[in-house]
Amino acid sequence: IALSSAVRYDEDNSTLRRVQGARRVVFDRRNHVIGQLGRMTVVHRDNPELRRCTFVSTLLGTLRQTRNEWCER
């Protein structure tokens, strides 16, 4: 899935690993994230204070979304 041209991926506040050009989260056999929780953060190109992020913690649907300062490491 491509990002909108209005936002960019925030490398400093994201934890998704890049493998062959794609970012991914790896799960163990119990459906939990291996390593750090998967966090994807995007920022608005014209206003870097506007952030949105999603945390992935289990394969079966545990997603949490937040914004702005809550997306910072």
PDB file of N, CA and C in Angstrom:
ATOM      1  N   ILE A   1       0.856  -1.172   0.000  1.00  0.00           N
ATOM      2  CA  ILE A   1       0.000   0.000   0.000  1.00  0.00           C
ATOM      3  C   ILE A   1       0.897   1.229   0.000  1.00  0.00           C
ATOM      4  N   ALA A   2       0.668   2.129  -0.905  1.00  0.00           N
ATOM      5  CA  ALA A   2       1.459   3.354  -0.997  1.00  0.00           C
ATOM      6  C   ALA A   2       0.872   4.431  -0.089  1.00  0.00           C
ATOM      7  N   LEU A   3       1.755   5.267   0.459  1.00  0.00           N
ATOM      8  CA  LEU A   3       1.308   6.385   1.284  1.00  0.00           C
ATOM      9  C   LEU A   3       0.817   7.528   0.410  1.00  0.00           C
ATOM     10  N   SER A   4      -0.079   8.302   0.934  1.00  0.00           N
ATOM     11  CA  SER A   4      -0.532   9.519   0.263  1.00  0.00           C
ATOM     12  C   SER A   4       0.652  10.471   0.116  1.00  0.00           C
ATOM     13  N   SER A   5       0.633  11.304  -0.905  1.00  0.00           N
ATOM     14  CA  SER A   5       1.722  12.267  -1.101  1.00  0.00           C
ATOM     15  C   SER A   5       1.723  13.345  -0.022  1.00  0.00           C
ATOM     16  N   ALA A   6       0.659  13.464   0.766  1.00  0.00           N
ATOM     17  CA  ALA A   6       0.578  14.474   1.824  1.00  0.00           C
ATOM     18  C   ALA A   6       1.312  14.054   3.094  1.00  0.00           C
ATOM     19  N   VAL A   7       1.686  12.778   3.193  1.00  0.00           N
ATOM     20  CA  VAL A   7       2.376  12.295   4.390  1.00  0.00           C
ATOM     21  C   VAL A   7       3.666  11.590   4.010  1.00  0.00           C
ATOM     22  N   ARG A   8       4.528  11.438   5.017  1.00  0.00           N
ATOM     23  CA  ARG A   8       5.759  10.669   4.820  1.00  0.00           C
ATOM     24  C   ARG A   8       5.939   9.731   6.013  1.00  0.00           C
ATOM     25  N   TYR A   9       6.651   8.655   5.786  1.00  0.00           N
ATOM     26  CA  TYR A   9       6.948   7.680   6.827  1.00  0.00           C
ATOM     27  C   TYR A   9       7.961   8.291   7.782  1.00  0.00           C
ATOM     28  N   ASP A  10       7.737   8.200   9.076  1.00  0.00           N
ATOM     29  CA  ASP A  10       8.625   8.762  10.097  1.00  0.00           C
ATOM     30  C   ASP A  10       9.572   7.675  10.593  1.00  0.00           C
ATOM     31  N   GLU A  11      10.772   7.641  10.028  1.00  0.00           N
ATOM     32  CA  GLU A  11      11.767   6.614  10.386  1.00  0.00           C
ATOM     33  C   GLU A  11      12.138   6.665  11.866  1.00  0.00           C
ATOM     34  N   ASP A  12      12.247   7.878  12.438  1.00  0.00           N
ATOM     35  CA  ASP A  12      12.704   8.025  13.819  1.00  0.00           C
ATOM     36  C   ASP A  12      11.709   7.508  14.847  1.00  0.00           C
ATOM     37  N   ASN A  13      10.443   7.491  14.511  1.00  0.00           N
ATOM     38  CA  ASN A  13       9.418   7.083  15.470  1.00  0.00           C
ATOM     39  C   ASN A  13       8.652   5.847  15.027  1.00  0.00           C
ATOM     40  N   SER A  14       9.291   5.017  14.212  1.00  0.00           N
ATOM     41  CA  SER A  14       8.681   3.774  13.744  1.00  0.00           C
ATOM     42  C   SER A  14       9.624   2.617  14.026  1.00  0.00           C
ATOM     43  N   THR A  15       9.058   1.424  14.174  1.00  0.00           N
ATOM     44  CA  THR A  15       9.891   0.256  14.482  1.00  0.00           C
ATOM     45  C   THR A  15       9.773  -0.857  13.450  1.00  0.00           C
ATOM     46  N   LEU A  16       8.985  -0.653  12.410  1.00  0.00           N
ATOM     47  CA  LEU A  16       8.818  -1.717  11.425  1.00  0.00           C
ATOM     48  C   LEU A  16      10.120  -1.958  10.679  1.00  0.00           C
ATOM     49  N   ARG A  17      10.495  -3.224  10.569  1.00  0.00           N
ATOM     50  CA  ARG A  17      11.721  -3.584   9.852  1.00  0.00           C
ATOM     51  C   ARG A  17      11.480  -3.567   8.358  1.00  0.00           C
ATOM     52  N   ARG A  18      12.503  -3.170   7.620  1.00  0.00           N
ATOM     53  CA  ARG A  18      12.400  -3.158   6.160  1.00  0.00           C
ATOM     54  C   ARG A  18      13.103  -4.405   5.628  1.00  0.00           C
ATOM     55  N   VAL A  19      12.382  -5.183   4.835  1.00  0.00           N
ATOM     56  CA  VAL A  19      12.920  -6.387   4.213  1.00  0.00           C
ATOM     57  C   VAL A  19      12.563  -6.328   2.735  1.00  0.00           C
ATOM     58  N   GLN A  20      13.573  -6.302   1.891  1.00  0.00           N
ATOM     59  CA  GLN A  20      13.391  -6.231   0.436  1.00  0.00           C
ATOM     60  C   GLN A  20      12.449  -5.093   0.041  1.00  0.00           C
ATOM     61  N   GLY A  21      12.630  -3.939   0.665  1.00  0.00           N
ATOM     62  CA  GLY A  21      11.864  -2.753   0.313  1.00  0.00           C
ATOM     63  C   GLY A  21      10.516  -2.614   0.989  1.00  0.00           C
ATOM     64  N   ALA A  22      10.035  -3.671   1.655  1.00  0.00           N
ATOM     65  CA  ALA A  22       8.728  -3.613   2.325  1.00  0.00           C
ATOM     66  C   ALA A  22       8.925  -3.602   3.839  1.00  0.00           C
ATOM     67  N   ARG A  23       8.099  -2.865   4.536  1.00  0.00           N
ATOM     68  CA  ARG A  23       8.151  -2.859   6.000  1.00  0.00           C
ATOM     69  C   ARG A  23       7.239  -3.968   6.508  1.00  0.00           C
ATOM     70  N   ARG A  24       7.690  -4.642   7.573  1.00  0.00           N
ATOM     71  CA  ARG A  24       6.890  -5.764   8.051  1.00  0.00           C
ATOM     72  C   ARG A  24       7.032  -5.971   9.545  1.00  0.00           C
ATOM     73  N   VAL A  25       6.081  -6.709  10.091  1.00  0.00           N
ATOM     74  CA  VAL A  25       6.076  -7.138  11.479  1.00  0.00           C
ATOM     75  C   VAL A  25       6.137  -8.654  11.449  1.00  0.00           C
ATOM     76  N   VAL A  26       6.948  -9.257  12.324  1.00  0.00           N
ATOM     77  CA  VAL A  26       7.079 -10.713  12.383  1.00  0.00           C
ATOM     78  C   VAL A  26       6.433 -11.201  13.680  1.00  0.00           C
ATOM     79  N   PHE A  27       5.637 -12.278  13.559  1.00  0.00           N
ATOM     80  CA  PHE A  27       4.921 -12.838  14.701  1.00  0.00           C
ATOM     81  C   PHE A  27       5.480 -14.210  15.054  1.00  0.00           C
ATOM     82  N   ASP A  28       5.400 -14.563  16.351  1.00  0.00           N
ATOM     83  CA  ASP A  28       5.806 -15.897  16.778  1.00  0.00           C
ATOM     84  C   ASP A  28       4.630 -16.863  16.628  1.00  0.00           C
ATOM     85  N   ARG A  29       4.820 -18.114  17.051  1.00  0.00           N
ATOM     86  CA  ARG A  29       3.772 -19.121  16.860  1.00  0.00           C
ATOM     87  C   ARG A  29       2.553 -18.888  17.744  1.00  0.00           C
ATOM     88  N   ARG A  30       2.690 -18.001  18.747  1.00  0.00           N
ATOM     89  CA  ARG A  30       1.547 -17.653  19.594  1.00  0.00           C
ATOM     90  C   ARG A  30       0.897 -16.337  19.147  1.00  0.00           C
ATOM     91  N   ASN A  31       1.261 -15.879  17.952  1.00  0.00           N
ATOM     92  CA  ASN A  31       0.684 -14.685  17.326  1.00  0.00           C
ATOM     93  C   ASN A  31       1.070 -13.371  17.986  1.00  0.00           C
ATOM     94  N   HIS A  32       2.195 -13.356  18.703  1.00  0.00           N
ATOM     95  CA  HIS A  32       2.693 -12.119  19.296  1.00  0.00           C
ATOM     96  C   HIS A  32       3.852 -11.588  18.462  1.00  0.00           C
ATOM     97  N   VAL A  33       4.030 -10.278  18.491  1.00  0.00           N
ATOM     98  CA  VAL A  33       5.116  -9.651  17.738  1.00  0.00           C
ATOM     99  C   VAL A  33       6.454 -10.103  18.299  1.00  0.00           C
ATOM    100  N   ILE A  34       7.373 -10.466  17.418  1.00  0.00           N
ATOM    101  CA  ILE A  34       8.736 -10.809  17.815  1.00  0.00           C
ATOM    102  C   ILE A  34       9.517  -9.503  17.894  1.00  0.00           C
ATOM    103  N   GLY A  35      10.171  -9.263  19.018  1.00  0.00           N
ATOM    104  CA  GLY A  35      10.926  -8.019  19.197  1.00  0.00           C
ATOM    105  C   GLY A  35      10.002  -6.897  19.647  1.00  0.00           C
ATOM    106  N   GLN A  36      10.366  -5.672  19.268  1.00  0.00           N
ATOM    107  CA  GLN A  36       9.562  -4.514  19.641  1.00  0.00           C
ATOM    108  C   GLN A  36       8.187  -4.588  18.991  1.00  0.00           C
ATOM    109  N   LEU A  37       7.213  -3.967  19.638  1.00  0.00           N
ATOM    110  CA  LEU A  37       5.895  -3.869  19.012  1.00  0.00           C
ATOM    111  C   LEU A  37       6.044  -3.156  17.681  1.00  0.00           C
ATOM    112  N   GLY A  38       5.255  -3.563  16.720  1.00  0.00           N
ATOM    113  CA  GLY A  38       5.307  -2.904  15.423  1.00  0.00           C
ATOM    114  C   GLY A  38       4.642  -1.546  15.502  1.00  0.00           C
ATOM    115  N   ARG A  39       5.423  -0.500  15.264  1.00  0.00           N
ATOM    116  CA  ARG A  39       4.860   0.852  15.278  1.00  0.00           C
ATOM    117  C   ARG A  39       5.132   1.505  13.935  1.00  0.00           C
ATOM    118  N   MET A  40       4.080   1.975  13.286  1.00  0.00           N
ATOM    119  CA  MET A  40       4.228   2.718  12.041  1.00  0.00           C
ATOM    120  C   MET A  40       3.731   4.132  12.282  1.00  0.00           C
ATOM    121  N   THR A  41       4.607   5.108  12.046  1.00  0.00           N
ATOM    122  CA  THR A  41       4.258   6.507  12.261  1.00  0.00           C
ATOM    123  C   THR A  41       4.395   7.260  10.953  1.00  0.00           C
ATOM    124  N   VAL A  42       3.410   8.075  10.650  1.00  0.00           N
ATOM    125  CA  VAL A  42       3.478   8.960   9.486  1.00  0.00           C
ATOM    126  C   VAL A  42       3.299  10.393   9.970  1.00  0.00           C
ATOM    127  N   VAL A  43       3.924  11.329   9.252  1.00  0.00           N
ATOM    128  CA  VAL A  43       3.803  12.747   9.578  1.00  0.00           C
ATOM    129  C   VAL A  43       3.345  13.499   8.343  1.00  0.00           C
ATOM    130  N   HIS A  44       2.661  14.592   8.571  1.00  0.00           N
ATOM    131  CA  HIS A  44       2.198  15.441   7.474  1.00  0.00           C
ATOM    132  C   HIS A  44       3.401  16.176   6.891  1.00  0.00           C
ATOM    133  N   ARG A  45       3.530  16.205   5.590  1.00  0.00           N
ATOM    134  CA  ARG A  45       4.681  16.850   4.945  1.00  0.00           C
ATOM    135  C   ARG A  45       4.778  18.343   5.245  1.00  0.00           C
ATOM    136  N   ASP A  46       3.648  19.032   5.360  1.00  0.00           N
ATOM    137  CA  ASP A  46       3.668  20.475   5.592  1.00  0.00           C
ATOM    138  C   ASP A  46       3.688  20.860   7.066  1.00  0.00           C
ATOM    139  N   ASN A  47       3.343  19.938   7.943  1.00  0.00           N
ATOM    140  CA  ASN A  47       3.320  20.224   9.376  1.00  0.00           C
ATOM    141  C   ASN A  47       3.790  18.987  10.136  1.00  0.00           C
ATOM    142  N   PRO A  48       5.106  18.872  10.399  1.00  0.00           N
ATOM    143  CA  PRO A  48       5.641  17.671  11.048  1.00  0.00           C
ATOM    144  C   PRO A  48       5.148  17.449  12.476  1.00  0.00           C
ATOM    145  N   GLU A  49       4.445  18.424  13.045  1.00  0.00           N
ATOM    146  CA  GLU A  49       3.861  18.226  14.373  1.00  0.00           C
ATOM    147  C   GLU A  49       2.626  17.322  14.313  1.00  0.00           C
ATOM    148  N   LEU A  50       2.044  17.172  13.130  1.00  0.00           N
ATOM    149  CA  LEU A  50       0.872  16.304  12.963  1.00  0.00           C
ATOM    150  C   LEU A  50       1.343  14.892  12.653  1.00  0.00           C
ATOM    151  N   ARG A  51       1.236  14.009  13.644  1.00  0.00           N
ATOM    152  CA  ARG A  51       1.659  12.620  13.494  1.00  0.00           C
ATOM    153  C   ARG A  51       0.481  11.695  13.739  1.00  0.00           C
ATOM    154  N   ARG A  52       0.516  10.563  13.079  1.00  0.00           N
ATOM    155  CA  ARG A  52      -0.436   9.487  13.346  1.00  0.00           C
ATOM    156  C   ARG A  52       0.364   8.199  13.396  1.00  0.00           C
ATOM    157  N   CYS A  53       0.017   7.332  14.328  1.00  0.00           N
ATOM    158  CA  CYS A  53       0.747   6.073  14.398  1.00  0.00           C
ATOM    159  C   CYS A  53      -0.201   4.935  14.760  1.00  0.00           C
ATOM    160  N   THR A  54       0.227   3.743  14.385  1.00  0.00           N
ATOM    161  CA  THR A  54      -0.501   2.518  14.688  1.00  0.00           C
ATOM    162  C   THR A  54       0.473   1.535  15.312  1.00  0.00           C
ATOM    163  N   PHE A  55       0.076   0.916  16.412  1.00  0.00           N
ATOM    164  CA  PHE A  55       0.872  -0.104  17.087  1.00  0.00           C
ATOM    165  C   PHE A  55       0.239  -1.463  16.811  1.00  0.00           C
ATOM    166  N   VAL A  56       1.052  -2.432  16.434  1.00  0.00           N
ATOM    167  CA  VAL A  56       0.589  -3.798  16.199  1.00  0.00           C
ATOM    168  C   VAL A  56       1.195  -4.666  17.291  1.00  0.00           C
ATOM    169  N   SER A  57       0.356  -5.393  18.051  1.00  0.00           N
ATOM    170  CA  SER A  57       0.913  -6.234  19.105  1.00  0.00           C
ATOM    171  C   SER A  57       0.590  -7.713  18.951  1.00  0.00           C
ATOM    172  N   THR A  58      -0.524  -8.070  18.312  1.00  0.00           N
ATOM    173  CA  THR A  58      -0.792  -9.479  18.027  1.00  0.00           C
ATOM    174  C   THR A  58      -1.392  -9.615  16.635  1.00  0.00           C
ATOM    175  N   LEU A  59      -1.224 -10.782  16.069  1.00  0.00           N
ATOM    176  CA  LEU A  59      -1.708 -11.065  14.723  1.00  0.00           C
ATOM    177  C   LEU A  59      -3.230 -11.027  14.633  1.00  0.00           C
ATOM    178  N   LEU A  60      -3.900 -11.356  15.726  1.00  0.00           N
ATOM    179  CA  LEU A  60      -5.356 -11.494  15.682  1.00  0.00           C
ATOM    180  C   LEU A  60      -6.102 -10.215  16.044  1.00  0.00           C
ATOM    181  N   GLY A  61      -5.542  -9.091  15.709  1.00  0.00           N
ATOM    182  CA  GLY A  61      -6.333  -7.880  15.774  1.00  0.00           C
ATOM    183  C   GLY A  61      -6.048  -6.871  16.857  1.00  0.00           C
ATOM    184  N   THR A  62      -4.967  -6.988  17.584  1.00  0.00           N
ATOM    185  CA  THR A  62      -4.691  -5.953  18.563  1.00  0.00           C
ATOM    186  C   THR A  62      -3.936  -4.821  17.893  1.00  0.00           C
ATOM    187  N   LEU A  63      -4.676  -3.800  17.520  1.00  0.00           N
ATOM    188  CA  LEU A  63      -4.112  -2.588  16.927  1.00  0.00           C
ATOM    189  C   LEU A  63      -4.503  -1.424  17.823  1.00  0.00           C
ATOM    190  N   ARG A  64      -3.584  -0.488  17.984  1.00  0.00           N
ATOM    191  CA  ARG A  64      -3.887   0.713  18.759  1.00  0.00           C
ATOM    192  C   ARG A  64      -3.413   1.900  17.953  1.00  0.00           C
ATOM    193  N   GLN A  65      -4.232   2.921  17.841  1.00  0.00           N
ATOM    194  CA  GLN A  65      -3.851   4.115  17.102  1.00  0.00           C
ATOM    195  C   GLN A  65      -3.781   5.293  18.056  1.00  0.00           C
ATOM    196  N   THR A  66      -2.858   6.215  17.767  1.00  0.00           N
ATOM    197  CA  THR A  66      -2.723   7.418  18.575  1.00  0.00           C
ATOM    198  C   THR A  66      -2.201   8.535  17.690  1.00  0.00           C
ATOM    199  N   ARG A  67      -1.922   9.689  18.280  1.00  0.00           N
ATOM    200  CA  ARG A  67      -1.493  10.823  17.467  1.00  0.00           C
ATOM    201  C   ARG A  67      -0.517  11.720  18.217  1.00  0.00           C
ATOM    202  N   ASN A  68       0.151  12.570  17.446  1.00  0.00           N
ATOM    203  CA  ASN A  68       1.057  13.617  17.889  1.00  0.00           C
ATOM    204  C   ASN A  68       2.098  13.123  18.889  1.00  0.00           C
ATOM    205  N   GLU A  69       2.213  13.720  20.085  1.00  0.00           N
ATOM    206  CA  GLU A  69       3.314  13.393  20.999  1.00  0.00           C
ATOM    207  C   GLU A  69       3.277  11.948  21.472  1.00  0.00           C
ATOM    208  N   TRP A  70       2.134  11.274  21.419  1.00  0.00           N
ATOM    209  CA  TRP A  70       2.042   9.880  21.836  1.00  0.00           C
ATOM    210  C   TRP A  70       2.714   8.944  20.832  1.00  0.00           C
ATOM    211  N   CYS A  71       3.090   9.459  19.667  1.00  0.00           N
ATOM    212  CA  CYS A  71       3.767   8.651  18.656  1.00  0.00           C
ATOM    213  C   CYS A  71       5.282   8.689  18.801  1.00  0.00           C
ATOM    214  N   GLU A  72       5.799   9.569  19.649  1.00  0.00           N
ATOM    215  CA  GLU A  72       7.244   9.706  19.782  1.00  0.00           C
ATOM    216  C   GLU A  72       7.807   8.591  20.639  1.00  0.00           C
ATOM    217  N   ARG A  73       9.050   8.226  20.349  1.00  0.00           N
ATOM    218  CA  ARG A  73       9.710   7.186  21.145  1.00  0.00           C
ATOM    219  C   ARG A  73      10.044   7.698  22.509  1.00  0.00           C
TER     220      ARG A  73
END
